[in-house]
């Protein structure tokens, strides 16, 4: 399979899944209480296992959207490994490690 086709398919379906989750979560949120205000909603009690809360569904959409770039970089590393291109494997691994550091560790360091 062509590498551009793999990446474009990942982007297409990743954004589609993330959009469906975000939009459906917001529709369920507004349908459950038409007078609810998203800006005044308490988000400190959102749990990733509470699927009855529509903002949890929206949060999963945001998580899916954030996870698309690392998945694409990982696909690139796999493509470079199949081509045995060691320089680009190293560059891809460096980029992936920096992305994972920025996504997973930096928010905890900045939210002290």
PDB file of N, CA and C in Angstrom:
ATOM      1  N   UNK A   1       0.844  -1.188   0.000  1.00  0.00           N
ATOM      2  CA  UNK A   1       0.000   0.000   0.000  1.00  0.00           C
ATOM      3  C   UNK A   1       0.881   1.240   0.000  1.00  0.00           C
ATOM      4  N   UNK A   2       0.452   2.243  -0.699  1.00  0.00           N
ATOM      5  CA  UNK A   2       1.197   3.487  -0.815  1.00  0.00           C
ATOM      6  C   UNK A   2       1.178   4.237   0.512  1.00  0.00           C
ATOM      7  N   UNK A   3       2.327   4.815   0.879  1.00  0.00           N
ATOM      8  CA  UNK A   3       2.405   5.496   2.178  1.00  0.00           C
ATOM      9  C   UNK A   3       1.492   6.715   2.249  1.00  0.00           C
ATOM     10  N   UNK A   4       1.322   7.412   1.158  1.00  0.00           N
ATOM     11  CA  UNK A   4       0.411   8.569   1.171  1.00  0.00           C
ATOM     12  C   UNK A   4      -1.034   8.125   1.360  1.00  0.00           C
ATOM     13  N   UNK A   5      -1.361   6.980   0.794  1.00  0.00           N
ATOM     14  CA  UNK A   5      -2.721   6.458   0.944  1.00  0.00           C
ATOM     15  C   UNK A   5      -2.984   6.026   2.378  1.00  0.00           C
ATOM     16  N   UNK A   6      -1.986   5.424   3.026  1.00  0.00           N
ATOM     17  CA  UNK A   6      -2.129   4.998   4.421  1.00  0.00           C
ATOM     18  C   UNK A   6      -2.346   6.212   5.318  1.00  0.00           C
ATOM     19  N   UNK A   7      -1.536   7.238   5.126  1.00  0.00           N
ATOM     20  CA  UNK A   7      -1.637   8.443   5.961  1.00  0.00           C
ATOM     21  C   UNK A   7      -2.943   9.179   5.703  1.00  0.00           C
ATOM     22  N   UNK A   8      -3.340   9.289   4.449  1.00  0.00           N
ATOM     23  CA  UNK A   8      -4.590   9.988   4.155  1.00  0.00           C
ATOM     24  C   UNK A   8      -5.799   9.223   4.695  1.00  0.00           C
ATOM     25  N   UNK A   9      -5.735   7.899   4.657  1.00  0.00           N
ATOM     26  CA  UNK A   9      -6.825   7.095   5.224  1.00  0.00           C
ATOM     27  C   UNK A   9      -6.897   7.275   6.733  1.00  0.00           C
ATOM     28  N   UNK A  10      -5.737   7.295   7.391  1.00  0.00           N
ATOM     29  CA  UNK A  10      -5.706   7.517   8.839  1.00  0.00           C
ATOM     30  C   UNK A  10      -6.271   8.886   9.183  1.00  0.00           C
ATOM     31  N   UNK A  11      -5.864   9.892   8.447  1.00  0.00           N
ATOM     32  CA  UNK A  11      -6.383  11.247   8.693  1.00  0.00           C
ATOM     33  C   UNK A  11      -7.887  11.312   8.473  1.00  0.00           C
ATOM     34  N   UNK A  12      -8.341  10.732   7.371  1.00  0.00           N
ATOM     35  CA  UNK A  12      -9.758  10.800   7.029  1.00  0.00           C
ATOM     36  C   UNK A  12     -10.621  10.136   8.092  1.00  0.00           C
ATOM     37  N   UNK A  13     -10.283   8.897   8.440  1.00  0.00           N
ATOM     38  CA  UNK A  13     -11.109   8.182   9.410  1.00  0.00           C
ATOM     39  C   UNK A  13     -10.909   8.696  10.834  1.00  0.00           C
ATOM     40  N   UNK A  14      -9.712   9.153  11.154  1.00  0.00           N
ATOM     41  CA  UNK A  14      -9.482   9.706  12.483  1.00  0.00           C
ATOM     42  C   UNK A  14     -10.275  10.962  12.729  1.00  0.00           C
ATOM     43  N   UNK A  15     -10.261  11.867  11.767  1.00  0.00           N
ATOM     44  CA  UNK A  15     -11.030  13.106  11.902  1.00  0.00           C
ATOM     45  C   UNK A  15     -12.529  12.813  11.861  1.00  0.00           C
ATOM     46  N   UNK A  16     -12.935  11.854  11.059  1.00  0.00           N
ATOM     47  CA  UNK A  16     -14.351  11.476  10.997  1.00  0.00           C
ATOM     48  C   UNK A  16     -14.832  10.923  12.342  1.00  0.00           C
ATOM     49  N   UNK A  17     -14.060  10.024  12.931  1.00  0.00           N
ATOM     50  CA  UNK A  17     -14.436   9.447  14.228  1.00  0.00           C
ATOM     51  C   UNK A  17     -14.453  10.522  15.303  1.00  0.00           C
ATOM     52  N   UNK A  18     -13.429  11.378  15.324  1.00  0.00           N
ATOM     53  CA  UNK A  18     -13.374  12.440  16.328  1.00  0.00           C
ATOM     54  C   UNK A  18     -14.542  13.409  16.160  1.00  0.00           C
ATOM     55  N   UNK A  19     -14.864  13.761  14.935  1.00  0.00           N
ATOM     56  CA  UNK A  19     -15.978  14.684  14.688  1.00  0.00           C
ATOM     57  C   UNK A  19     -17.307  14.079  15.115  1.00  0.00           C
ATOM     58  N   UNK A  20     -17.511  12.808  14.792  1.00  0.00           N
ATOM     59  CA  UNK A  20     -18.760  12.147  15.188  1.00  0.00           C
ATOM     60  C   UNK A  20     -18.899  12.130  16.700  1.00  0.00           C
ATOM     61  N   UNK A  21     -17.812  11.818  17.407  1.00  0.00           N
ATOM     62  CA  UNK A  21     -17.871  11.773  18.861  1.00  0.00           C
ATOM     63  C   UNK A  21     -18.157  13.150  19.462  1.00  0.00           C
ATOM     64  N   UNK A  22     -17.463  14.168  18.987  1.00  0.00           N
ATOM     65  CA  UNK A  22     -17.655  15.518  19.534  1.00  0.00           C
ATOM     66  C   UNK A  22     -19.059  16.025  19.242  1.00  0.00           C
ATOM     67  N   UNK A  23     -19.493  15.893  18.003  1.00  0.00           N
ATOM     68  CA  UNK A  23     -20.813  16.407  17.634  1.00  0.00           C
ATOM     69  C   UNK A  23     -21.925  15.630  18.338  1.00  0.00           C
ATOM     70  N   UNK A  24     -21.792  14.306  18.407  1.00  0.00           N
ATOM     71  CA  UNK A  24     -22.846  13.536  19.085  1.00  0.00           C
ATOM     72  C   UNK A  24     -22.871  13.845  20.579  1.00  0.00           C
ATOM     73  N   UNK A  25     -21.720  14.039  21.200  1.00  0.00           N
ATOM     74  CA  UNK A  25     -21.692  14.417  22.606  1.00  0.00           C
ATOM     75  C   UNK A  25     -22.341  15.760  22.852  1.00  0.00           C
ATOM     76  N   UNK A  26     -22.089  16.715  21.982  1.00  0.00           N
ATOM     77  CA  UNK A  26     -22.705  18.033  22.145  1.00  0.00           C
ATOM     78  C   UNK A  26     -24.203  18.001  21.860  1.00  0.00           C
ATOM     79  N   UNK A  27     -24.624  17.197  20.890  1.00  0.00           N
ATOM     80  CA  UNK A  27     -26.058  17.072  20.616  1.00  0.00           C
ATOM     81  C   UNK A  27     -26.776  16.425  21.797  1.00  0.00           C
ATOM     82  N   UNK A  28     -26.193  15.375  22.344  1.00  0.00           N
ATOM     83  CA  UNK A  28     -26.799  14.725  23.513  1.00  0.00           C
ATOM     84  C   UNK A  28     -26.829  15.679  24.697  1.00  0.00           C
ATOM     85  N   UNK A  29     -25.769  16.483  24.851  1.00  0.00           N
ATOM     86  CA  UNK A  29     -25.715  17.445  25.956  1.00  0.00           C
ATOM     87  C   UNK A  29     -26.823  18.485  25.841  1.00  0.00           C
ATOM     88  N   UNK A  30     -27.009  19.041  24.654  1.00  0.00           N
ATOM     89  CA  UNK A  30     -28.052  20.052  24.485  1.00  0.00           C
ATOM     90  C   UNK A  30     -29.451  19.434  24.484  1.00  0.00           C
ATOM     91  N   UNK A  31     -29.571  18.185  24.031  1.00  0.00           N
ATOM     92  CA  UNK A  31     -30.887  17.542  24.040  1.00  0.00           C
ATOM     93  C   UNK A  31     -31.306  17.149  25.455  1.00  0.00           C
ATOM     94  N   UNK A  32     -30.348  16.811  26.297  1.00  0.00           N
ATOM     95  CA  UNK A  32     -30.697  16.399  27.656  1.00  0.00           C
ATOM     96  C   UNK A  32     -31.185  17.570  28.497  1.00  0.00           C
ATOM     97  N   UNK A  33     -30.640  18.752  28.266  1.00  0.00           N
ATOM     98  CA  UNK A  33     -31.080  19.951  28.991  1.00  0.00           C
ATOM     99  C   UNK A  33     -30.918  21.147  28.060  1.00  0.00           C
ATOM    100  N   UNK A  34     -31.977  21.576  27.380  1.00  0.00           N
ATOM    101  CA  UNK A  34     -31.865  22.668  26.412  1.00  0.00           C
ATOM    102  C   UNK A  34     -31.409  23.990  27.029  1.00  0.00           C
ATOM    103  N   UNK A  35     -31.634  24.172  28.320  1.00  0.00           N
ATOM    104  CA  UNK A  35     -31.232  25.420  28.964  1.00  0.00           C
ATOM    105  C   UNK A  35     -29.834  25.353  29.571  1.00  0.00           C
ATOM    106  N   UNK A  36     -29.142  24.236  29.396  1.00  0.00           N
ATOM    107  CA  UNK A  36     -27.805  24.082  29.977  1.00  0.00           C
ATOM    108  C   UNK A  36     -26.809  24.973  29.238  1.00  0.00           C
ATOM    109  N   UNK A  37     -25.883  25.494  29.987  1.00  0.00           N
ATOM    110  CA  UNK A  37     -24.845  26.346  29.430  1.00  0.00           C
ATOM    111  C   UNK A  37     -23.521  25.600  29.521  1.00  0.00           C
ATOM    112  N   UNK A  38     -22.903  25.364  28.382  1.00  0.00           N
ATOM    113  CA  UNK A  38     -21.644  24.630  28.346  1.00  0.00           C
ATOM    114  C   UNK A  38     -20.558  25.395  29.104  1.00  0.00           C
ATOM    115  N   UNK A  39     -20.589  26.702  29.047  1.00  0.00           N
ATOM    116  CA  UNK A  39     -19.533  27.497  29.660  1.00  0.00           C
ATOM    117  C   UNK A  39     -19.614  27.512  31.179  1.00  0.00           C
ATOM    118  N   UNK A  40     -20.774  27.246  31.750  1.00  0.00           N
ATOM    119  CA  UNK A  40     -20.925  27.218  33.192  1.00  0.00           C
ATOM    120  C   UNK A  40     -21.016  25.804  33.745  1.00  0.00           C
ATOM    121  N   UNK A  41     -20.737  24.812  32.921  1.00  0.00           N
ATOM    122  CA  UNK A  41     -20.843  23.418  33.338  1.00  0.00           C
ATOM    123  C   UNK A  41     -19.587  23.030  34.099  1.00  0.00           C
ATOM    124  N   UNK A  42     -19.756  22.312  35.212  1.00  0.00           N
ATOM    125  CA  UNK A  42     -18.633  21.874  36.028  1.00  0.00           C
ATOM    126  C   UNK A  42     -17.974  20.664  35.376  1.00  0.00           C
ATOM    127  N   UNK A  43     -16.777  20.848  34.862  1.00  0.00           N
ATOM    128  CA  UNK A  43     -16.075  19.758  34.179  1.00  0.00           C
ATOM    129  C   UNK A  43     -15.100  19.023  35.083  1.00  0.00           C
ATOM    130  N   UNK A  44     -15.028  19.385  36.345  1.00  0.00           N
ATOM    131  CA  UNK A  44     -14.070  18.728  37.233  1.00  0.00           C
ATOM    132  C   UNK A  44     -14.509  17.318  37.611  1.00  0.00           C
ATOM    133  N   UNK A  45     -15.769  16.987  37.437  1.00  0.00           N
ATOM    134  CA  UNK A  45     -16.248  15.661  37.821  1.00  0.00           C
ATOM    135  C   UNK A  45     -16.482  14.745  36.622  1.00  0.00           C
ATOM    136  N   UNK A  46     -15.888  15.039  35.480  1.00  0.00           N
ATOM    137  CA  UNK A  46     -16.038  14.188  34.302  1.00  0.00           C
ATOM    138  C   UNK A  46     -15.143  12.968  34.466  1.00  0.00           C
ATOM    139  N   UNK A  47     -15.728  11.797  34.320  1.00  0.00           N
ATOM    140  CA  UNK A  47     -14.993  10.544  34.426  1.00  0.00           C
ATOM    141  C   UNK A  47     -14.968   9.879  33.056  1.00  0.00           C
ATOM    142  N   UNK A  48     -13.856   9.259  32.723  1.00  0.00           N
ATOM    143  CA  UNK A  48     -13.749   8.594  31.428  1.00  0.00           C
ATOM    144  C   UNK A  48     -14.573   7.316  31.349  1.00  0.00           C
ATOM    145  N   UNK A  49     -15.075   6.851  32.479  1.00  0.00           N
ATOM    146  CA  UNK A  49     -15.882   5.632  32.470  1.00  0.00           C
ATOM    147  C   UNK A  49     -17.375   5.911  32.587  1.00  0.00           C
ATOM    148  N   UNK A  50     -17.756   7.178  32.737  1.00  0.00           N
ATOM    149  CA  UNK A  50     -19.162   7.552  32.870  1.00  0.00           C
ATOM    150  C   UNK A  50     -19.727   7.866  31.492  1.00  0.00           C
ATOM    151  N   UNK A  51     -20.253   6.838  30.819  1.00  0.00           N
ATOM    152  CA  UNK A  51     -20.742   7.030  29.460  1.00  0.00           C
ATOM    153  C   UNK A  51     -22.129   7.657  29.421  1.00  0.00           C
ATOM    154  N   UNK A  52     -22.742   7.867  30.578  1.00  0.00           N
ATOM    155  CA  UNK A  52     -24.028   8.555  30.608  1.00  0.00           C
ATOM    156  C   UNK A  52     -23.848  10.058  30.521  1.00  0.00           C
ATOM    157  N   UNK A  53     -22.649  10.532  30.818  1.00  0.00           N
ATOM    158  CA  UNK A  53     -22.358  11.960  30.737  1.00  0.00           C
ATOM    159  C   UNK A  53     -21.986  12.304  29.293  1.00  0.00           C
ATOM    160  N   UNK A  54     -22.734  13.202  28.642  1.00  0.00           N
ATOM    161  CA  UNK A  54     -22.436  13.508  27.239  1.00  0.00           C
ATOM    162  C   UNK A  54     -21.096  14.204  27.040  1.00  0.00           C
ATOM    163  N   UNK A  55     -20.601  14.888  28.065  1.00  0.00           N
ATOM    164  CA  UNK A  55     -19.301  15.534  27.909  1.00  0.00           C
ATOM    165  C   UNK A  55     -18.164  14.519  27.913  1.00  0.00           C
ATOM    166  N   UNK A  56     -18.401  13.324  28.448  1.00  0.00           N
ATOM    167  CA  UNK A  56     -17.410  12.257  28.356  1.00  0.00           C
ATOM    168  C   UNK A  56     -17.257  11.807  26.910  1.00  0.00           C
ATOM    169  N   UNK A  57     -18.365  11.728  26.199  1.00  0.00           N
ATOM    170  CA  UNK A  57     -18.323  11.371  24.776  1.00  0.00           C
ATOM    171  C   UNK A  57     -17.571  12.433  23.997  1.00  0.00           C
ATOM    172  N   UNK A  58     -17.815  13.694  24.318  1.00  0.00           N
ATOM    173  CA  UNK A  58     -17.100  14.789  23.672  1.00  0.00           C
ATOM    174  C   UNK A  58     -15.612  14.719  23.988  1.00  0.00           C
ATOM    175  N   UNK A  59     -15.289  14.380  25.224  1.00  0.00           N
ATOM    176  CA  UNK A  59     -13.884  14.253  25.618  1.00  0.00           C
ATOM    177  C   UNK A  59     -13.190  13.146  24.845  1.00  0.00           C
ATOM    178  N   UNK A  60     -13.894  12.035  24.614  1.00  0.00           N
ATOM    179  CA  UNK A  60     -13.309  10.974  23.800  1.00  0.00           C
ATOM    180  C   UNK A  60     -13.045  11.449  22.367  1.00  0.00           C
ATOM    181  N   UNK A  61     -13.886  12.314  21.843  1.00  0.00           N
ATOM    182  CA  UNK A  61     -13.644  12.881  20.523  1.00  0.00           C
ATOM    183  C   UNK A  61     -12.394  13.745  20.496  1.00  0.00           C
ATOM    184  N   UNK A  62     -12.200  14.525  21.546  1.00  0.00           N
ATOM    185  CA  UNK A  62     -10.998  15.364  21.634  1.00  0.00           C
ATOM    186  C   UNK A  62      -9.752  14.491  21.783  1.00  0.00           C
ATOM    187  N   UNK A  63      -9.852  13.433  22.583  1.00  0.00           N
ATOM    188  CA  UNK A  63      -8.722  12.509  22.738  1.00  0.00           C
ATOM    189  C   UNK A  63      -8.395  11.832  21.407  1.00  0.00           C
ATOM    190  N   UNK A  64      -9.417  11.456  20.655  1.00  0.00           N
ATOM    191  CA  UNK A  64      -9.193  10.849  19.336  1.00  0.00           C
ATOM    192  C   UNK A  64      -8.508  11.835  18.397  1.00  0.00           C
ATOM    193  N   UNK A  65      -8.908  13.090  18.458  1.00  0.00           N
ATOM    194  CA  UNK A  65      -8.294  14.102  17.592  1.00  0.00           C
ATOM    195  C   UNK A  65      -6.844  14.356  17.977  1.00  0.00           C
ATOM    196  N   UNK A  66      -6.550  14.358  19.263  1.00  0.00           N
ATOM    197  CA  UNK A  66      -5.178  14.579  19.725  1.00  0.00           C
ATOM    198  C   UNK A  66      -4.289  13.382  19.381  1.00  0.00           C
ATOM    199  N   UNK A  67      -4.856  12.187  19.325  1.00  0.00           N
ATOM    200  CA  UNK A  67      -4.050  10.993  19.075  1.00  0.00           C
ATOM    201  C   UNK A  67      -3.731  10.765  17.598  1.00  0.00           C
ATOM    202  N   UNK A  68      -4.313  11.523  16.693  1.00  0.00           N
ATOM    203  CA  UNK A  68      -4.061  11.316  15.265  1.00  0.00           C
ATOM    204  C   UNK A  68      -2.598  11.598  14.877  1.00  0.00           C
ATOM    205  N   UNK A  69      -1.998  12.731  15.252  1.00  0.00           N
ATOM    206  CA  UNK A  69      -0.600  12.970  14.839  1.00  0.00           C
ATOM    207  C   UNK A  69       0.405  11.919  15.327  1.00  0.00           C
ATOM    208  N   UNK A  70       0.345  11.462  16.596  1.00  0.00           N
ATOM    209  CA  UNK A  70       1.286  10.391  16.956  1.00  0.00           C
ATOM    210  C   UNK A  70       1.072   9.097  16.178  1.00  0.00           C
ATOM    211  N   UNK A  71      -0.179   8.791  15.844  1.00  0.00           N
ATOM    212  CA  UNK A  71      -0.443   7.593  15.044  1.00  0.00           C
ATOM    213  C   UNK A  71       0.183   7.732  13.667  1.00  0.00           C
ATOM    214  N   UNK A  72       0.095   8.914  13.082  1.00  0.00           N
ATOM    215  CA  UNK A  72       0.677   9.139  11.756  1.00  0.00           C
ATOM    216  C   UNK A  72       2.204   9.036  11.808  1.00  0.00           C
ATOM    217  N   UNK A  73       2.812   9.597  12.856  1.00  0.00           N
ATOM    218  CA  UNK A  73       4.267   9.494  12.993  1.00  0.00           C
ATOM    219  C   UNK A  73       4.677   8.034  13.189  1.00  0.00           C
ATOM    220  N   UNK A  74       3.901   7.275  13.961  1.00  0.00           N
ATOM    221  CA  UNK A  74       4.186   5.858  14.141  1.00  0.00           C
ATOM    222  C   UNK A  74       4.061   5.099  12.817  1.00  0.00           C
ATOM    223  N   UNK A  75       3.069   5.439  12.020  1.00  0.00           N
ATOM    224  CA  UNK A  75       2.944   4.826  10.690  1.00  0.00           C
ATOM    225  C   UNK A  75       4.168   5.150   9.830  1.00  0.00           C
ATOM    226  N   UNK A  76       4.633   6.383   9.914  1.00  0.00           N
ATOM    227  CA  UNK A  76       5.820   6.772   9.148  1.00  0.00           C
ATOM    228  C   UNK A  76       7.040   5.974   9.591  1.00  0.00           C
ATOM    229  N   UNK A  77       7.188   5.770  10.900  1.00  0.00           N
ATOM    230  CA  UNK A  77       8.322   4.982  11.399  1.00  0.00           C
ATOM    231  C   UNK A  77       8.249   3.558  10.861  1.00  0.00           C
ATOM    232  N   UNK A  78       7.049   2.988  10.840  1.00  0.00           N
ATOM    233  CA  UNK A  78       6.879   1.623  10.311  1.00  0.00           C
ATOM    234  C   UNK A  78       7.209   1.582   8.817  1.00  0.00           C
ATOM    235  N   UNK A  79       6.791   2.609   8.092  1.00  0.00           N
ATOM    236  CA  UNK A  79       7.098   2.669   6.652  1.00  0.00           C
ATOM    237  C   UNK A  79       8.600   2.787   6.437  1.00  0.00           C
ATOM    238  N   UNK A  80       9.266   3.646   7.230  1.00  0.00           N
ATOM    239  CA  UNK A  80      10.718   3.786   7.102  1.00  0.00           C
ATOM    240  C   UNK A  80      11.437   2.503   7.510  1.00  0.00           C
ATOM    241  N   UNK A  81      10.897   1.780   8.483  1.00  0.00           N
ATOM    242  CA  UNK A  81      11.513   0.514   8.893  1.00  0.00           C
ATOM    243  C   UNK A  81      11.392  -0.526   7.788  1.00  0.00           C
ATOM    244  N   UNK A  82      10.273  -0.519   7.077  1.00  0.00           N
ATOM    245  CA  UNK A  82      10.128  -1.461   5.969  1.00  0.00           C
ATOM    246  C   UNK A  82      11.067  -1.119   4.809  1.00  0.00           C
ATOM    247  N   UNK A  83      11.403   0.172   4.696  1.00  0.00           N
ATOM    248  CA  UNK A  83      12.356   0.600   3.666  1.00  0.00           C
ATOM    249  C   UNK A  83      13.795   0.534   4.152  1.00  0.00           C
ATOM    250  N   UNK A  84      13.989   0.210   5.448  1.00  0.00           N
ATOM    251  CA  UNK A  84      15.309   0.126   6.087  1.00  0.00           C
ATOM    252  C   UNK A  84      16.076   1.443   6.000  1.00  0.00           C
ATOM    253  N   UNK A  85      15.361   2.540   6.221  1.00  0.00           N
ATOM    254  CA  UNK A  85      15.956   3.874   6.197  1.00  0.00           C
ATOM    255  C   UNK A  85      16.215   4.312   7.636  1.00  0.00           C
ATOM    256  N   UNK A  86      17.445   4.058   8.112  1.00  0.00           N
ATOM    257  CA  UNK A  86      17.768   4.237   9.518  1.00  0.00           C
ATOM    258  C   UNK A  86      17.736   5.693   9.963  1.00  0.00           C
ATOM    259  N   UNK A  87      18.124   6.603   9.116  1.00  0.00           N
ATOM    260  CA  UNK A  87      18.137   8.023   9.495  1.00  0.00           C
ATOM    261  C   UNK A  87      16.720   8.510   9.771  1.00  0.00           C
ATOM    262  N   UNK A  88      15.798   8.192   8.879  1.00  0.00           N
ATOM    263  CA  UNK A  88      14.418   8.641   9.065  1.00  0.00           C
ATOM    264  C   UNK A  88      13.704   7.878  10.179  1.00  0.00           C
ATOM    265  N   UNK A  89      14.136   6.648  10.452  1.00  0.00           N
ATOM    266  CA  UNK A  89      13.596   5.937  11.617  1.00  0.00           C
ATOM    267  C   UNK A  89      13.982   6.680  12.881  1.00  0.00           C
ATOM    268  N   UNK A  90      15.238   7.105  12.970  1.00  0.00           N
ATOM    269  CA  UNK A  90      15.707   7.866  14.137  1.00  0.00           C
ATOM    270  C   UNK A  90      15.004   9.202  14.276  1.00  0.00           C
ATOM    271  N   UNK A  91      14.838   9.903  13.154  1.00  0.00           N
ATOM    272  CA  UNK A  91      14.142  11.190  13.196  1.00  0.00           C
ATOM    273  C   UNK A  91      12.686  10.992  13.610  1.00  0.00           C
ATOM    274  N   UNK A  92      12.043   9.978  13.051  1.00  0.00           N
ATOM    275  CA  UNK A  92      10.657   9.695  13.408  1.00  0.00           C
ATOM    276  C   UNK A  92      10.513   9.314  14.867  1.00  0.00           C
ATOM    277  N   UNK A  93      11.452   8.511  15.378  1.00  0.00           N
ATOM    278  CA  UNK A  93      11.408   8.124  16.789  1.00  0.00           C
ATOM    279  C   UNK A  93      11.610   9.344  17.688  1.00  0.00           C
ATOM    280  N   UNK A  94      12.487  10.246  17.287  1.00  0.00           N
ATOM    281  CA  UNK A  94      12.694  11.475  18.059  1.00  0.00           C
ATOM    282  C   UNK A  94      11.433  12.334  18.055  1.00  0.00           C
ATOM    283  N   UNK A  95      10.820  12.487  16.906  1.00  0.00           N
ATOM    284  CA  UNK A  95       9.588  13.269  16.805  1.00  0.00           C
ATOM    285  C   UNK A  95       8.478  12.629  17.629  1.00  0.00           C
ATOM    286  N   UNK A  96       8.346  11.303  17.558  1.00  0.00           N
ATOM    287  CA  UNK A  96       7.316  10.612  18.331  1.00  0.00           C
ATOM    288  C   UNK A  96       7.553  10.757  19.830  1.00  0.00           C
ATOM    289  N   UNK A  97       8.798  10.646  20.254  1.00  0.00           N
ATOM    290  CA  UNK A  97       9.078  10.788  21.685  1.00  0.00           C
ATOM    291  C   UNK A  97       8.806  12.214  22.152  1.00  0.00           C
ATOM    292  N   UNK A  98       9.120  13.209  21.351  1.00  0.00           N
ATOM    293  CA  UNK A  98       8.814  14.595  21.718  1.00  0.00           C
ATOM    294  C   UNK A  98       7.312  14.842  21.769  1.00  0.00           C
ATOM    295  N   UNK A  99       6.583  14.256  20.834  1.00  0.00           N
ATOM    296  CA  UNK A  99       5.125  14.410  20.850  1.00  0.00           C
ATOM    297  C   UNK A  99       4.514  13.749  22.079  1.00  0.00           C
ATOM    298  N   UNK A 100       4.970  12.556  22.399  1.00  0.00           N
ATOM    299  CA  UNK A 100       4.428  11.864  23.567  1.00  0.00           C
ATOM    300  C   UNK A 100       4.793  12.595  24.859  1.00  0.00           C
ATOM    301  N   UNK A 101       5.987  13.177  24.907  1.00  0.00           N
ATOM    302  CA  UNK A 101       6.375  13.984  26.061  1.00  0.00           C
ATOM    303  C   UNK A 101       5.461  15.196  26.194  1.00  0.00           C
ATOM    304  N   UNK A 102       5.186  15.854  25.070  1.00  0.00           N
ATOM    305  CA  UNK A 102       4.338  17.056  25.099  1.00  0.00           C
ATOM    306  C   UNK A 102       2.887  16.712  25.423  1.00  0.00           C
ATOM    307  N   UNK A 103       2.420  15.549  24.998  1.00  0.00           N
ATOM    308  CA  UNK A 103       1.022  15.183  25.232  1.00  0.00           C
ATOM    309  C   UNK A 103       0.813  14.614  26.634  1.00  0.00           C
ATOM    310  N   UNK A 104       1.729  13.774  27.090  1.00  0.00           N
ATOM    311  CA  UNK A 104       1.510  13.054  28.342  1.00  0.00           C
ATOM    312  C   UNK A 104       2.156  13.685  29.569  1.00  0.00           C
ATOM    313  N   UNK A 105       3.347  14.254  29.428  1.00  0.00           N
ATOM    314  CA  UNK A 105       4.094  14.709  30.599  1.00  0.00           C
ATOM    315  C   UNK A 105       3.989  16.209  30.823  1.00  0.00           C
ATOM    316  N   UNK A 106       4.058  16.998  29.786  1.00  0.00           N
ATOM    317  CA  UNK A 106       4.036  18.462  29.940  1.00  0.00           C
ATOM    318  C   UNK A 106       2.773  18.982  30.629  1.00  0.00           C
ATOM    319  N   UNK A 107       1.579  18.460  30.333  1.00  0.00           N
ATOM    320  CA  UNK A 107       0.413  18.977  31.057  1.00  0.00           C
ATOM    321  C   UNK A 107       0.507  18.760  32.572  1.00  0.00           C
ATOM    322  N   UNK A 108       1.105  17.650  32.981  1.00  0.00           N
ATOM    323  CA  UNK A 108       1.251  17.407  34.416  1.00  0.00           C
ATOM    324  C   UNK A 108       2.297  18.330  35.035  1.00  0.00           C
ATOM    325  N   UNK A 109       3.322  18.658  34.266  1.00  0.00           N
ATOM    326  CA  UNK A 109       4.356  19.560  34.789  1.00  0.00           C
ATOM    327  C   UNK A 109       3.839  20.999  34.881  1.00  0.00           C
ATOM    328  N   UNK A 110       3.002  21.392  33.947  1.00  0.00           N
ATOM    329  CA  UNK A 110       2.508  22.760  33.926  1.00  0.00           C
ATOM    330  C   UNK A 110       1.313  22.975  34.850  1.00  0.00           C
ATOM    331  N   UNK A 111       0.656  21.885  35.257  1.00  0.00           N
ATOM    332  CA  UNK A 111      -0.534  21.985  36.099  1.00  0.00           C
ATOM    333  C   UNK A 111      -0.191  21.587  37.535  1.00  0.00           C
ATOM    334  N   UNK A 112       0.678  22.375  38.123  1.00  0.00           N
ATOM    335  CA  UNK A 112       1.136  22.089  39.497  1.00  0.00           C
ATOM    336  C   UNK A 112       0.274  22.804  40.488  1.00  0.00           C
TER     337      UNK A 112
END
